[in-house]
């Protein structure tokens, strides 16, 4: 029973990575809306999101 609880705890803690990366992804999407330089300016926030949730 203890092993099952530990496994569930690990699964729940790992599933939150997408939630942690959400602010980076939202900022990236907003910055990409800027004409001409948006995609280049969003590169750091894309890297942030990828580092958190590959």
N, C-alpha and C. Protein backbone atom coordinates (compact mmCIF):
# COMPACT_ATOMS: atom_id res chain seq x y z
N UNK A 1 0.82 -1.19 0.00
CA UNK A 1 0.00 0.00 0.00
C UNK A 1 0.87 1.26 0.00
N UNK A 2 1.97 1.20 0.74
CA UNK A 2 2.87 2.35 0.80
C UNK A 2 3.53 2.60 -0.56
N UNK A 3 3.86 1.53 -1.27
CA UNK A 3 4.47 1.68 -2.60
C UNK A 3 3.49 2.33 -3.57
N UNK A 4 2.23 1.96 -3.50
CA UNK A 4 1.22 2.54 -4.37
C UNK A 4 1.06 4.03 -4.08
N UNK A 5 1.06 4.39 -2.82
CA UNK A 5 0.95 5.80 -2.44
C UNK A 5 2.16 6.59 -2.95
N UNK A 6 3.34 6.01 -2.84
CA UNK A 6 4.55 6.68 -3.32
C UNK A 6 4.52 6.84 -4.84
N UNK A 7 4.05 5.82 -5.53
CA UNK A 7 3.94 5.89 -6.99
C UNK A 7 2.95 6.96 -7.41
N UNK A 8 1.82 7.04 -6.74
CA UNK A 8 0.82 8.07 -7.05
C UNK A 8 1.36 9.47 -6.76
N UNK A 9 2.11 9.61 -5.68
CA UNK A 9 2.70 10.90 -5.35
C UNK A 9 3.68 11.35 -6.43
N UNK A 10 4.51 10.45 -6.92
CA UNK A 10 5.46 10.77 -7.98
C UNK A 10 4.72 11.14 -9.27
N UNK A 11 3.68 10.40 -9.60
CA UNK A 11 2.92 10.68 -10.82
C UNK A 11 2.24 12.04 -10.76
N UNK A 12 1.68 12.38 -9.63
CA UNK A 12 1.02 13.68 -9.48
C UNK A 12 2.03 14.82 -9.53
N UNK A 13 3.18 14.64 -8.92
CA UNK A 13 4.18 15.71 -8.92
C UNK A 13 4.77 15.94 -10.31
N UNK A 14 4.88 14.89 -11.11
CA UNK A 14 5.42 15.06 -12.46
C UNK A 14 4.39 15.60 -13.44
N UNK A 15 3.12 15.42 -13.18
CA UNK A 15 2.09 15.88 -14.11
C UNK A 15 1.91 17.39 -14.06
N UNK A 16 2.44 18.05 -13.06
CA UNK A 16 2.29 19.49 -12.93
C UNK A 16 3.29 20.29 -13.74
N UNK A 17 4.19 19.65 -14.46
CA UNK A 17 5.21 20.37 -15.21
C UNK A 17 4.58 21.24 -16.30
N UNK A 18 3.55 20.74 -16.93
CA UNK A 18 2.87 21.53 -17.96
C UNK A 18 2.25 22.78 -17.37
N UNK A 19 1.74 22.66 -16.17
CA UNK A 19 1.15 23.81 -15.49
C UNK A 19 2.22 24.82 -15.12
N UNK A 20 3.39 24.36 -14.72
CA UNK A 20 4.48 25.26 -14.38
C UNK A 20 5.02 25.98 -15.60
N UNK A 21 4.96 25.35 -16.76
CA UNK A 21 5.46 25.96 -17.99
C UNK A 21 4.45 26.88 -18.65
N UNK A 22 3.22 26.88 -18.19
CA UNK A 22 2.16 27.68 -18.81
C UNK A 22 2.48 29.17 -18.89
N UNK A 23 2.98 29.81 -17.82
CA UNK A 23 3.30 31.24 -17.94
C UNK A 23 4.32 31.54 -19.04
N UNK A 24 5.34 30.69 -19.17
CA UNK A 24 6.33 30.88 -20.23
C UNK A 24 5.68 30.75 -21.60
N UNK A 25 4.81 29.78 -21.75
CA UNK A 25 4.15 29.57 -23.04
C UNK A 25 3.20 30.71 -23.39
N UNK A 26 2.49 31.25 -22.40
CA UNK A 26 1.58 32.36 -22.65
C UNK A 26 2.35 33.61 -23.05
N UNK A 27 3.42 33.91 -22.33
CA UNK A 27 4.24 35.07 -22.68
C UNK A 27 4.83 34.90 -24.07
N UNK A 28 5.27 33.71 -24.40
CA UNK A 28 5.83 33.44 -25.71
C UNK A 28 4.79 33.69 -26.81
N UNK A 29 3.57 33.24 -26.59
CA UNK A 29 2.52 33.44 -27.58
C UNK A 29 2.20 34.91 -27.78
N UNK A 30 2.19 35.67 -26.69
CA UNK A 30 1.91 37.11 -26.80
C UNK A 30 3.04 37.82 -27.53
N UNK A 31 4.28 37.48 -27.21
CA UNK A 31 5.43 38.13 -27.85
C UNK A 31 5.48 37.77 -29.34
N UNK A 32 5.11 36.55 -29.68
CA UNK A 32 5.14 36.14 -31.09
C UNK A 32 4.13 36.91 -31.94
N UNK A 33 3.15 37.55 -31.32
CA UNK A 33 2.16 38.33 -32.06
C UNK A 33 2.73 39.66 -32.56
N UNK A 34 3.89 40.05 -32.08
CA UNK A 34 4.52 41.30 -32.52
C UNK A 34 5.08 41.09 -33.92
N UNK A 35 4.69 41.94 -34.86
CA UNK A 35 5.17 41.76 -36.23
C UNK A 35 6.69 41.91 -36.35
N UNK A 36 7.26 41.18 -37.27
CA UNK A 36 8.67 41.23 -37.68
C UNK A 36 9.66 40.64 -36.67
N UNK A 37 9.58 40.99 -35.39
CA UNK A 37 10.58 40.54 -34.42
C UNK A 37 10.03 39.59 -33.37
N UNK A 38 8.78 39.26 -33.45
CA UNK A 38 8.14 38.46 -32.40
C UNK A 38 8.76 37.10 -32.19
N UNK A 39 9.02 36.38 -33.27
CA UNK A 39 9.56 35.02 -33.12
C UNK A 39 10.98 35.04 -32.56
N UNK A 40 11.78 36.00 -32.95
CA UNK A 40 13.14 36.09 -32.41
C UNK A 40 13.10 36.52 -30.94
N UNK A 41 12.21 37.43 -30.60
CA UNK A 41 12.12 37.91 -29.22
C UNK A 41 11.54 36.85 -28.29
N UNK A 42 10.77 35.93 -28.83
CA UNK A 42 10.14 34.89 -28.00
C UNK A 42 11.06 33.70 -27.76
N UNK A 43 12.22 33.68 -28.35
CA UNK A 43 13.14 32.54 -28.19
C UNK A 43 13.50 32.26 -26.73
N UNK A 44 13.79 33.27 -25.90
CA UNK A 44 14.09 32.96 -24.49
C UNK A 44 12.91 32.35 -23.74
N UNK A 45 11.71 32.83 -24.00
CA UNK A 45 10.56 32.26 -23.30
C UNK A 45 10.24 30.86 -23.82
N UNK A 46 10.51 30.60 -25.09
CA UNK A 46 10.36 29.24 -25.61
C UNK A 46 11.35 28.30 -24.92
N UNK A 47 12.56 28.78 -24.71
CA UNK A 47 13.58 27.98 -24.04
C UNK A 47 13.19 27.71 -22.59
N UNK A 48 12.60 28.71 -21.95
CA UNK A 48 12.11 28.55 -20.57
C UNK A 48 11.06 27.45 -20.52
N UNK A 49 10.09 27.49 -21.40
CA UNK A 49 9.02 26.50 -21.42
C UNK A 49 9.58 25.11 -21.72
N UNK A 50 10.52 25.02 -22.64
CA UNK A 50 11.09 23.72 -22.99
C UNK A 50 11.93 23.15 -21.84
N UNK A 51 12.59 24.03 -21.10
CA UNK A 51 13.40 23.57 -19.96
C UNK A 51 12.52 23.00 -18.85
N UNK A 52 11.35 23.59 -18.66
CA UNK A 52 10.45 23.12 -17.61
C UNK A 52 9.71 21.87 -18.03
N UNK A 53 9.19 21.88 -19.27
CA UNK A 53 8.35 20.79 -19.75
C UNK A 53 8.80 20.38 -21.15
N UNK A 54 9.77 19.47 -21.24
CA UNK A 54 10.31 19.09 -22.57
C UNK A 54 9.37 18.31 -23.42
